[in-house]
Amino acid sequence: MSDDLIKAYNIIKRPILTEKTLLQKNLYNKLTFEVDPRANKIEIRKAVELIFKVDVIDVQTIKMKGKSKRVGRYWTKRPDWKKAVVTIKPGQKVELFEGV
C-alpha cells in the first residue's frame, strides 16, 4: 500500500449506514462517513476520491457531540466525533454502499 492510501484510510474511519443516509445516497448521490476530527474538507475530498475512485462535487462536515450515558450511578460521556457528507458526481457508484 502506498503512503497516500494509508493516510486516506486514516482520514475515513467508517461509513455511516442509516435509513436517512441511504435515502440521501439514492436521491441526492450523497455518502456519509465518520472521519478524523482533525481532517479538513480538502483532505476528506482527496481521501474519498483516492479510496473509491469517484469524482467529489462537495464536502460538508459536522462536528457531533458525544452523548451522555449513565453507567450504574455514574454519568459518563461518549467521545465527540466528526461526520462528513460527500456529494459525488451523478451516475457514479460506490461498491461499498451498493446492495445495502
N, C-alpha and C. Protein backbone atom coordinates (compact mmCIF):
# COMPACT_ATOMS: atom_id res chain seq x y z
N MET A 1 0.84 -1.20 0.00
CA MET A 1 0.00 0.00 0.00
C MET A 1 0.87 1.25 0.00
N SER A 2 0.45 2.23 -0.75
CA SER A 2 1.21 3.47 -0.78
C SER A 2 0.90 4.32 0.45
N ASP A 3 1.77 5.28 0.72
CA ASP A 3 1.58 6.14 1.88
C ASP A 3 0.32 6.99 1.76
N ASP A 4 0.00 7.42 0.53
CA ASP A 4 -1.21 8.23 0.34
C ASP A 4 -2.47 7.44 0.68
N LEU A 5 -2.49 6.16 0.30
CA LEU A 5 -3.65 5.33 0.58
C LEU A 5 -3.79 5.06 2.07
N ILE A 6 -2.68 4.88 2.76
CA ILE A 6 -2.71 4.67 4.22
C ILE A 6 -3.25 5.92 4.91
N LYS A 7 -2.79 7.09 4.47
CA LYS A 7 -3.28 8.35 5.05
C LYS A 7 -4.78 8.52 4.78
N ALA A 8 -5.22 8.12 3.59
CA ALA A 8 -6.64 8.24 3.24
C ALA A 8 -7.49 7.36 4.15
N TYR A 9 -7.03 6.13 4.42
CA TYR A 9 -7.77 5.23 5.31
C TYR A 9 -7.74 5.72 6.75
N ASN A 10 -6.73 6.49 7.14
CA ASN A 10 -6.71 7.08 8.48
C ASN A 10 -7.69 8.24 8.60
N ILE A 11 -7.96 8.91 7.49
CA ILE A 11 -8.91 10.03 7.50
C ILE A 11 -10.35 9.51 7.50
N ILE A 12 -10.67 8.56 6.63
CA ILE A 12 -12.02 7.99 6.55
C ILE A 12 -12.08 6.80 7.50
N LYS A 13 -12.82 6.95 8.59
CA LYS A 13 -12.88 5.88 9.59
C LYS A 13 -13.88 4.79 9.22
N ARG A 14 -15.13 5.19 8.91
CA ARG A 14 -16.15 4.20 8.58
C ARG A 14 -17.32 4.90 7.89
N PRO A 15 -18.07 4.14 7.08
CA PRO A 15 -19.29 4.72 6.52
C PRO A 15 -20.41 4.70 7.56
N ILE A 16 -21.32 5.64 7.47
CA ILE A 16 -22.48 5.67 8.35
C ILE A 16 -23.68 5.21 7.53
N LEU A 17 -24.24 4.06 7.90
CA LEU A 17 -25.33 3.45 7.15
C LEU A 17 -26.59 3.46 8.00
N THR A 18 -27.44 4.45 7.78
CA THR A 18 -28.73 4.53 8.44
C THR A 18 -29.79 4.71 7.36
N GLU A 19 -31.04 4.71 7.77
CA GLU A 19 -32.12 4.91 6.80
C GLU A 19 -31.98 6.27 6.11
N LYS A 20 -31.65 7.28 6.88
CA LYS A 20 -31.53 8.62 6.33
C LYS A 20 -30.37 8.73 5.35
N THR A 21 -29.21 8.17 5.69
CA THR A 21 -28.06 8.27 4.79
C THR A 21 -28.26 7.45 3.52
N LEU A 22 -28.94 6.31 3.62
CA LEU A 22 -29.22 5.52 2.42
C LEU A 22 -30.21 6.23 1.51
N LEU A 23 -31.17 6.96 2.09
CA LEU A 23 -32.10 7.75 1.30
C LEU A 23 -31.36 8.89 0.59
N GLN A 24 -30.44 9.54 1.30
CA GLN A 24 -29.63 10.60 0.69
C GLN A 24 -28.79 10.06 -0.46
N LYS A 25 -28.26 8.85 -0.28
CA LYS A 25 -27.45 8.24 -1.34
C LYS A 25 -28.28 8.01 -2.59
N ASN A 26 -29.48 7.48 -2.41
CA ASN A 26 -30.33 7.16 -3.56
C ASN A 26 -30.89 8.39 -4.24
N LEU A 27 -31.30 9.41 -3.48
CA LEU A 27 -31.93 10.59 -4.06
C LEU A 27 -30.94 11.65 -4.53
N TYR A 28 -29.89 11.89 -3.73
CA TYR A 28 -29.02 13.05 -3.98
C TYR A 28 -27.56 12.68 -4.25
N ASN A 29 -27.22 11.38 -4.31
CA ASN A 29 -25.84 10.94 -4.54
C ASN A 29 -24.90 11.44 -3.44
N LYS A 30 -25.35 11.39 -2.19
CA LYS A 30 -24.54 11.84 -1.05
C LYS A 30 -24.16 10.64 -0.19
N LEU A 31 -22.88 10.56 0.16
CA LEU A 31 -22.36 9.49 1.00
C LEU A 31 -21.95 10.10 2.34
N THR A 32 -22.14 9.35 3.43
CA THR A 32 -21.85 9.86 4.76
C THR A 32 -20.79 8.99 5.42
N PHE A 33 -19.78 9.63 6.01
CA PHE A 33 -18.68 8.93 6.66
C PHE A 33 -18.37 9.54 8.02
N GLU A 34 -17.86 8.71 8.93
CA GLU A 34 -17.22 9.22 10.13
C GLU A 34 -15.76 9.45 9.75
N VAL A 35 -15.25 10.63 10.06
CA VAL A 35 -13.89 10.98 9.66
C VAL A 35 -13.07 11.41 10.88
N ASP A 36 -11.77 11.53 10.66
CA ASP A 36 -10.87 12.01 11.71
C ASP A 36 -11.25 13.45 12.07
N PRO A 37 -11.39 13.76 13.36
CA PRO A 37 -11.80 15.12 13.75
C PRO A 37 -10.83 16.21 13.32
N ARG A 38 -9.58 15.86 13.06
CA ARG A 38 -8.59 16.87 12.65
C ARG A 38 -8.56 17.09 11.15
N ALA A 39 -9.28 16.27 10.36
CA ALA A 39 -9.25 16.36 8.90
C ALA A 39 -10.08 17.54 8.41
N ASN A 40 -9.59 18.20 7.36
CA ASN A 40 -10.36 19.29 6.77
C ASN A 40 -11.05 18.81 5.49
N LYS A 41 -11.82 19.68 4.87
CA LYS A 41 -12.63 19.29 3.71
C LYS A 41 -11.76 18.85 2.53
N ILE A 42 -10.64 19.50 2.33
CA ILE A 42 -9.77 19.15 1.21
C ILE A 42 -9.18 17.76 1.39
N GLU A 43 -8.75 17.44 2.61
CA GLU A 43 -8.20 16.11 2.88
C GLU A 43 -9.27 15.03 2.73
N ILE A 44 -10.48 15.32 3.19
CA ILE A 44 -11.58 14.37 3.06
C ILE A 44 -11.91 14.12 1.59
N ARG A 45 -11.95 15.18 0.79
CA ARG A 45 -12.22 15.06 -0.65
C ARG A 45 -11.17 14.17 -1.32
N LYS A 46 -9.91 14.42 -1.06
CA LYS A 46 -8.84 13.63 -1.68
C LYS A 46 -8.89 12.18 -1.24
N ALA A 47 -9.21 11.94 0.04
CA ALA A 47 -9.28 10.57 0.56
C ALA A 47 -10.41 9.79 -0.10
N VAL A 48 -11.59 10.39 -0.24
CA VAL A 48 -12.72 9.70 -0.86
C VAL A 48 -12.43 9.44 -2.33
N GLU A 49 -11.85 10.40 -3.04
CA GLU A 49 -11.53 10.20 -4.45
C GLU A 49 -10.49 9.10 -4.63
N LEU A 50 -9.52 9.01 -3.73
CA LEU A 50 -8.47 8.00 -3.83
C LEU A 50 -8.98 6.60 -3.49
N ILE A 51 -9.76 6.48 -2.43
CA ILE A 51 -10.23 5.16 -1.99
C ILE A 51 -11.29 4.60 -2.93
N PHE A 52 -12.30 5.41 -3.27
CA PHE A 52 -13.45 4.91 -4.01
C PHE A 52 -13.43 5.19 -5.50
N LYS A 53 -12.44 5.94 -6.00
CA LYS A 53 -12.29 6.24 -7.43
C LYS A 53 -13.54 6.92 -8.00
N VAL A 54 -14.01 7.97 -7.31
CA VAL A 54 -15.15 8.75 -7.76
C VAL A 54 -14.77 10.22 -7.80
N ASP A 55 -15.58 11.05 -8.47
CA ASP A 55 -15.37 12.49 -8.52
C ASP A 55 -16.25 13.14 -7.47
N VAL A 56 -15.64 13.89 -6.55
CA VAL A 56 -16.36 14.55 -5.46
C VAL A 56 -16.74 15.96 -5.90
N ILE A 57 -18.01 16.31 -5.72
CA ILE A 57 -18.50 17.65 -6.06
C ILE A 57 -18.43 18.56 -4.84
N ASP A 58 -18.88 18.05 -3.67
CA ASP A 58 -18.98 18.90 -2.48
C ASP A 58 -18.72 18.06 -1.23
N VAL A 59 -18.20 18.70 -0.19
CA VAL A 59 -17.99 18.07 1.11
C VAL A 59 -18.56 18.99 2.19
N GLN A 60 -19.41 18.43 3.03
CA GLN A 60 -19.94 19.16 4.18
C GLN A 60 -19.53 18.41 5.43
N THR A 61 -19.04 19.14 6.45
CA THR A 61 -18.60 18.50 7.68
C THR A 61 -19.43 18.99 8.86
N ILE A 62 -19.61 18.10 9.83
CA ILE A 62 -20.39 18.40 11.03
C ILE A 62 -19.64 17.84 12.22
N LYS A 63 -19.44 18.64 13.25
CA LYS A 63 -18.86 18.13 14.49
C LYS A 63 -20.00 17.67 15.39
N MET A 64 -19.97 16.39 15.74
CA MET A 64 -21.03 15.78 16.53
C MET A 64 -20.59 15.70 17.99
N LYS A 65 -21.47 16.08 18.90
CA LYS A 65 -21.19 15.98 20.33
C LYS A 65 -21.49 14.57 20.80
N GLY A 66 -20.65 14.04 21.67
CA GLY A 66 -20.87 12.72 22.24
C GLY A 66 -22.04 12.75 23.21
N LYS A 67 -22.78 11.65 23.27
CA LYS A 67 -23.95 11.57 24.14
C LYS A 67 -23.54 11.30 25.59
N SER A 68 -24.34 11.79 26.53
CA SER A 68 -24.16 11.45 27.93
C SER A 68 -24.86 10.13 28.21
N LYS A 69 -24.17 9.24 28.88
CA LYS A 69 -24.71 7.93 29.19
C LYS A 69 -24.57 7.66 30.69
N ARG A 70 -25.49 6.87 31.20
CA ARG A 70 -25.44 6.52 32.61
C ARG A 70 -24.94 5.08 32.74
N VAL A 71 -23.92 4.89 33.58
CA VAL A 71 -23.36 3.58 33.85
C VAL A 71 -23.49 3.37 35.35
N GLY A 72 -24.52 2.60 35.76
CA GLY A 72 -24.79 2.44 37.19
C GLY A 72 -25.24 3.76 37.77
N ARG A 73 -24.55 4.21 38.80
CA ARG A 73 -24.91 5.51 39.39
C ARG A 73 -24.05 6.65 38.87
N TYR A 74 -23.18 6.36 37.91
CA TYR A 74 -22.28 7.37 37.37
C TYR A 74 -22.70 7.80 35.98
N TRP A 75 -22.46 9.06 35.66
CA TRP A 75 -22.70 9.59 34.32
C TRP A 75 -21.37 9.67 33.60
N THR A 76 -21.35 9.23 32.37
CA THR A 76 -20.16 9.31 31.54
C THR A 76 -20.55 9.87 30.18
N LYS A 77 -19.57 10.21 29.36
CA LYS A 77 -19.84 10.84 28.07
C LYS A 77 -19.07 10.11 26.98
N ARG A 78 -19.75 9.85 25.87
CA ARG A 78 -19.08 9.28 24.71
C ARG A 78 -18.23 10.36 24.05
N PRO A 79 -17.19 9.96 23.33
CA PRO A 79 -16.32 10.98 22.72
C PRO A 79 -17.02 11.75 21.60
N ASP A 80 -16.59 13.00 21.39
CA ASP A 80 -17.07 13.79 20.26
C ASP A 80 -16.46 13.21 18.99
N TRP A 81 -17.16 13.39 17.84
CA TRP A 81 -16.67 12.86 16.58
C TRP A 81 -17.07 13.78 15.44
N LYS A 82 -16.55 13.52 14.26
CA LYS A 82 -16.81 14.37 13.10
C LYS A 82 -17.42 13.54 11.98
N LYS A 83 -18.44 14.11 11.34
CA LYS A 83 -19.15 13.46 10.25
C LYS A 83 -18.95 14.27 8.99
N ALA A 84 -18.81 13.59 7.85
CA ALA A 84 -18.68 14.25 6.55
C ALA A 84 -19.74 13.71 5.60
N VAL A 85 -20.45 14.63 4.94
CA VAL A 85 -21.42 14.27 3.91
C VAL A 85 -20.79 14.68 2.58
N VAL A 86 -20.51 13.68 1.74
CA VAL A 86 -19.78 13.89 0.49
C VAL A 86 -20.74 13.69 -0.68
N THR A 87 -20.83 14.69 -1.56
CA THR A 87 -21.65 14.60 -2.76
C THR A 87 -20.75 14.17 -3.92
N ILE A 88 -21.15 13.09 -4.60
CA ILE A 88 -20.36 12.62 -5.74
C ILE A 88 -21.11 12.91 -7.03
N LYS A 89 -20.37 12.84 -8.14
CA LYS A 89 -20.93 13.16 -9.45
C LYS A 89 -22.07 12.20 -9.79
N PRO A 90 -23.17 12.70 -10.38
CA PRO A 90 -24.29 11.83 -10.74
C PRO A 90 -23.86 10.71 -11.69
N GLY A 91 -24.42 9.53 -11.46
CA GLY A 91 -24.10 8.39 -12.31
C GLY A 91 -22.98 7.51 -11.77
N GLN A 92 -22.21 8.03 -10.82
CA GLN A 92 -21.13 7.24 -10.24
C GLN A 92 -21.63 6.48 -9.02
N LYS A 93 -21.05 5.32 -8.76
CA LYS A 93 -21.48 4.48 -7.65
C LYS A 93 -20.28 4.05 -6.83
N VAL A 94 -20.54 3.77 -5.55
CA VAL A 94 -19.52 3.23 -4.66
C VAL A 94 -19.95 1.82 -4.29
N GLU A 95 -19.11 0.85 -4.54
CA GLU A 95 -19.46 -0.55 -4.33
C GLU A 95 -19.80 -0.86 -2.88
N LEU A 96 -19.18 -0.15 -1.95
CA LEU A 96 -19.42 -0.37 -0.52
C LEU A 96 -20.88 -0.14 -0.16
N PHE A 97 -21.52 0.83 -0.78
CA PHE A 97 -22.88 1.19 -0.45
C PHE A 97 -23.91 0.43 -1.27
N GLU A 98 -23.51 -0.25 -2.32
CA GLU A 98 -24.46 -0.97 -3.17
C GLU A 98 -24.87 -2.28 -2.51
N GLY A 99 -26.13 -2.62 -2.64
CA GLY A 99 -26.63 -3.87 -2.08
C GLY A 99 -26.95 -3.80 -0.60
N VAL A 100 -26.95 -2.60 -0.03
CA VAL A 100 -27.29 -2.44 1.39
C VAL A 100 -28.77 -2.23 1.50
